[in-house]
Amino acid sequence: MILYCDGYSNLKSCGFIVSDLNRIVSYQSYPPNKYTSNTCEYLAMLEALELSSNFSVIYSDSQLVVNQITNNWKCNYPHLKVILEKCKSILREKDVDIFWISRNKNIAGKIIEEYETRERKRFISF
C-alpha cells in the first residue's frame, strides 16, 4: 500500500487528506484556526499510519513530521509530542516506511491545491 498525506491550515479551514495513487482515502476538515499547519500534518500522518498495513509506504512533504517520526529531529512541543507518540506506537506494531517528498510530488498536496483553487474561483465569481 502506498499512501500520500498532507495537512493544511488557512483562513477558511484546516485539516488533512490521505490519498493513494488514484483516490482520496481519508479527509478531515476542521474550523479555521482550530489547529496549526504542523498539527494538521501530524494528524495526516497519524491517519495514514492507522490506514496502513504491513509493508506500506507513506509519503509526506512535511520535513518536520518525517524527521521527528524517524528520530532525526527532536520534538519540543507538548501538543505535537502526543500525536508523535501515537504515530510511533503504531510504527512499533507495523512495518511501514515513511519518506519525505517534495510538495510538487505529493499527490495529497495536489488534491488540496486543486480544491483551494476551485474555492478561490468560486469566491471570486460571486
C-alpha atoms as a PDB file:
ATOM      1  CA  MET A   1       0.000   0.000   0.000  1.00  0.00           C
ATOM      2  CA  ILE A   2       1.329   3.428  -0.959  1.00  0.00           C
ATOM      3  CA  LEU A   3      -0.165   6.452   0.796  1.00  0.00           C
ATOM      4  CA  TYR A   4       0.384  10.195   0.493  1.00  0.00           C
ATOM      5  CA  CYS A   5      -0.591  12.522   3.319  1.00  0.00           C
ATOM      6  CA  ASP A   6      -0.777  16.278   3.724  1.00  0.00           C
ATOM      7  CA  GLY A   7      -2.130  18.709   6.265  1.00  0.00           C
ATOM      8  CA  TYR A   8      -3.265  22.262   5.648  1.00  0.00           C
ATOM      9  CA  SER A   9      -4.336  25.347   7.535  1.00  0.00           C
ATOM     10  CA  ASN A  10      -5.696  28.553   6.037  1.00  0.00           C
ATOM     11  CA  LEU A  11      -8.175  31.311   6.831  1.00  0.00           C
ATOM     12  CA  LYS A  12     -11.193  29.204   5.808  1.00  0.00           C
ATOM     13  CA  SER A  13     -10.410  25.831   7.336  1.00  0.00           C
ATOM     14  CA  CYS A  14      -7.752  23.373   8.389  1.00  0.00           C
ATOM     15  CA  GLY A  15      -7.481  19.641   8.112  1.00  0.00           C
ATOM     16  CA  PHE A  16      -5.772  16.841   6.291  1.00  0.00           C
ATOM     17  CA  ILE A  17      -6.049  14.463   3.397  1.00  0.00           C
ATOM     18  CA  VAL A  18      -4.691  10.962   2.805  1.00  0.00           C
ATOM     19  CA  SER A  19      -4.678   9.527  -0.697  1.00  0.00           C
ATOM     20  CA  ASP A  20      -3.317   6.582  -2.579  1.00  0.00           C
ATOM     21  CA  LEU A  21      -2.214   6.808  -6.192  1.00  0.00           C
ATOM     22  CA  ASN A  22      -5.774   7.068  -7.509  1.00  0.00           C
ATOM     23  CA  ARG A  23      -8.191   8.485  -4.950  1.00  0.00           C
ATOM     24  CA  ILE A  24      -8.825  10.169  -1.620  1.00  0.00           C
ATOM     25  CA  VAL A  25      -8.667   7.562   1.131  1.00  0.00           C
ATOM     26  CA  SER A  26      -9.446   9.845   4.074  1.00  0.00           C
ATOM     27  CA  TYR A  27     -10.262  13.514   4.509  1.00  0.00           C
ATOM     28  CA  GLN A  28     -10.962  15.609   7.591  1.00  0.00           C
ATOM     29  CA  SER A  29     -11.768  19.305   7.799  1.00  0.00           C
ATOM     30  CA  TYR A  30     -11.956  21.483  10.915  1.00  0.00           C
ATOM     31  CA  PRO A  31     -12.987  25.090  11.583  1.00  0.00           C
ATOM     32  CA  PRO A  32     -10.331  27.715  10.760  1.00  0.00           C
ATOM     33  CA  ASN A  33      -7.609  28.189  13.373  1.00  0.00           C
ATOM     34  CA  LYS A  34      -8.544  25.030  15.277  1.00  0.00           C
ATOM     35  CA  TYR A  35      -5.118  23.520  14.543  1.00  0.00           C
ATOM     36  CA  THR A  36      -1.779  24.740  13.247  1.00  0.00           C
ATOM     37  CA  SER A  37      -0.353  23.523   9.957  1.00  0.00           C
ATOM     38  CA  ASN A  38       2.118  21.322  11.831  1.00  0.00           C
ATOM     39  CA  THR A  39      -0.656  19.749  13.880  1.00  0.00           C
ATOM     40  CA  CYS A  40      -2.619  19.033  10.690  1.00  0.00           C
ATOM     41  CA  GLU A  41       0.498  17.488   9.109  1.00  0.00           C
ATOM     42  CA  TYR A  42       0.807  15.222  12.143  1.00  0.00           C
ATOM     43  CA  LEU A  43      -2.884  14.306  12.060  1.00  0.00           C
ATOM     44  CA  ALA A  44      -2.488  13.397   8.376  1.00  0.00           C
ATOM     45  CA  MET A  45       0.453  11.116   9.203  1.00  0.00           C
ATOM     46  CA  LEU A  46      -1.424   9.521  12.109  1.00  0.00           C
ATOM     47  CA  GLU A  47      -4.394   8.788   9.846  1.00  0.00           C
ATOM     48  CA  ALA A  48      -2.115   7.355   7.153  1.00  0.00           C
ATOM     49  CA  LEU A  49      -0.424   5.113   9.715  1.00  0.00           C
ATOM     50  CA  GLU A  50      -3.782   3.909  11.050  1.00  0.00           C
ATOM     51  CA  LEU A  51      -4.914   3.081   7.496  1.00  0.00           C
ATOM     52  CA  SER A  52      -1.639   1.426   6.533  1.00  0.00           C
ATOM     53  CA  SER A  53      -0.852  -2.265   6.535  1.00  0.00           C
ATOM     54  CA  ASN A  54       2.484  -4.012   6.952  1.00  0.00           C
ATOM     55  CA  PHE A  55       4.990  -3.135   4.244  1.00  0.00           C
ATOM     56  CA  SER A  56       3.190   0.092   3.380  1.00  0.00           C
ATOM     57  CA  VAL A  57       4.999   3.206   2.252  1.00  0.00           C
ATOM     58  CA  ILE A  58       3.847   6.664   3.369  1.00  0.00           C
ATOM     59  CA  TYR A  59       4.981   9.886   1.721  1.00  0.00           C
ATOM     60  CA  SER A  60       4.728  13.323   3.333  1.00  0.00           C
ATOM     61  CA  ASP A  61       6.040  16.728   2.325  1.00  0.00           C
ATOM     62  CA  SER A  62       6.463  17.744   5.973  1.00  0.00           C
ATOM     63  CA  GLN A  63      10.147  17.590   6.825  1.00  0.00           C
ATOM     64  CA  LEU A  64       9.240  18.242  10.457  1.00  0.00           C
ATOM     65  CA  VAL A  65       6.917  15.249  10.776  1.00  0.00           C
ATOM     66  CA  VAL A  66       9.090  12.827   8.812  1.00  0.00           C
ATOM     67  CA  ASN A  67      12.290  13.776  10.664  1.00  0.00           C
ATOM     68  CA  GLN A  68      10.658  13.664  14.099  1.00  0.00           C
ATOM     69  CA  ILE A  69       8.985  10.300  13.477  1.00  0.00           C
ATOM     70  CA  THR A  70      12.243   8.820  12.183  1.00  0.00           C
ATOM     71  CA  ASN A  71      14.114  10.189  15.223  1.00  0.00           C
ATOM     72  CA  ASN A  72      16.329  12.554  13.242  1.00  0.00           C
ATOM     73  CA  TRP A  73      14.904  15.637  14.966  1.00  0.00           C
ATOM     74  CA  LYS A  74      13.576  16.246  18.476  1.00  0.00           C
ATOM     75  CA  CYS A  75      10.023  17.327  19.128  1.00  0.00           C
ATOM     76  CA  ASN A  76       9.867  20.271  21.531  1.00  0.00           C
ATOM     77  CA  TYR A  77       6.127  20.974  21.567  1.00  0.00           C
ATOM     78  CA  PRO A  78       3.927  19.029  24.012  1.00  0.00           C
ATOM     79  CA  HIS A  79       0.833  19.178  21.770  1.00  0.00           C
ATOM     80  CA  LEU A  80       2.807  17.588  18.913  1.00  0.00           C
ATOM     81  CA  LYS A  81       4.540  15.058  21.183  1.00  0.00           C
ATOM     82  CA  VAL A  82       1.175  13.491  21.985  1.00  0.00           C
ATOM     83  CA  ILE A  83       0.480  12.801  18.299  1.00  0.00           C
ATOM     84  CA  LEU A  84       4.120  11.814  17.687  1.00  0.00           C
ATOM     85  CA  GLU A  85       3.924   9.136  20.387  1.00  0.00           C
ATOM     86  CA  LYS A  86       0.711   7.758  18.854  1.00  0.00           C
ATOM     87  CA  CYS A  87       2.472   7.553  15.480  1.00  0.00           C
ATOM     88  CA  LYS A  88       5.491   5.811  16.985  1.00  0.00           C
ATOM     89  CA  SER A  89       3.234   3.366  18.810  1.00  0.00           C
ATOM     90  CA  ILE A  90       1.671   2.318  15.501  1.00  0.00           C
ATOM     91  CA  LEU A  91       5.133   2.031  13.930  1.00  0.00           C
ATOM     92  CA  ARG A  92       6.154  -0.417  16.659  1.00  0.00           C
ATOM     93  CA  GLU A  93       3.295  -2.684  15.535  1.00  0.00           C
ATOM     94  CA  LYS A  94       3.571  -2.284  11.757  1.00  0.00           C
ATOM     95  CA  ASP A  95       6.405  -2.447   9.264  1.00  0.00           C
ATOM     96  CA  VAL A  96       5.872   0.873   7.466  1.00  0.00           C
ATOM     97  CA  ASP A  97       8.396   3.027   5.642  1.00  0.00           C
ATOM     98  CA  ILE A  98       7.997   6.809   5.805  1.00  0.00           C
ATOM     99  CA  PHE A  99       9.661   9.139   3.334  1.00  0.00           C
ATOM    100  CA  TRP A 100       9.803  12.858   2.719  1.00  0.00           C
ATOM    101  CA  ILE A 101       8.919  14.013  -0.797  1.00  0.00           C
ATOM    102  CA  SER A 102       8.764  17.492  -2.252  1.00  0.00           C
ATOM    103  CA  ARG A 103       5.443  19.306  -2.252  1.00  0.00           C
ATOM    104  CA  ASN A 104       5.118  19.098  -6.039  1.00  0.00           C
ATOM    105  CA  LYS A 105       5.314  15.268  -5.901  1.00  0.00           C
ATOM    106  CA  ASN A 106       2.809  14.845  -3.065  1.00  0.00           C
ATOM    107  CA  ILE A 107      -0.450  13.604  -4.596  1.00  0.00           C
ATOM    108  CA  ALA A 108      -2.419  14.520  -1.457  1.00  0.00           C
ATOM    109  CA  GLY A 109      -0.984  18.047  -1.593  1.00  0.00           C
ATOM    110  CA  LYS A 110      -2.026  18.384  -5.229  1.00  0.00           C
ATOM    111  CA  ILE A 111      -5.593  17.444  -4.291  1.00  0.00           C
ATOM    112  CA  ILE A 112      -5.604  20.166  -1.618  1.00  0.00           C
ATOM    113  CA  GLU A 113      -4.227  22.718  -4.098  1.00  0.00           C
ATOM    114  CA  GLU A 114      -6.921  21.819  -6.650  1.00  0.00           C
ATOM    115  CA  TYR A 115      -9.641  22.218  -4.007  1.00  0.00           C
ATOM    116  CA  GLU A 116      -8.286  25.605  -2.862  1.00  0.00           C
ATOM    117  CA  THR A 117      -8.081  26.815  -6.472  1.00  0.00           C
ATOM    118  CA  ARG A 118     -11.719  25.827  -7.074  1.00  0.00           C
ATOM    119  CA  GLU A 119     -12.771  27.581  -3.851  1.00  0.00           C
ATOM    120  CA  ARG A 120     -10.937  30.801  -4.813  1.00  0.00           C
ATOM    121  CA  LYS A 121     -12.591  30.796  -8.242  1.00  0.00           C
ATOM    122  CA  ARG A 122     -15.986  30.189  -6.667  1.00  0.00           C
ATOM    123  CA  PHE A 123     -15.451  33.049  -4.201  1.00  0.00           C
ATOM    124  CA  ILE A 124     -14.270  35.469  -6.900  1.00  0.00           C
ATOM    125  CA  SER A 125     -17.210  34.647  -9.198  1.00  0.00           C
ATOM    126  CA  PHE A 126     -19.809  35.946  -6.712  1.00  0.00           C
END
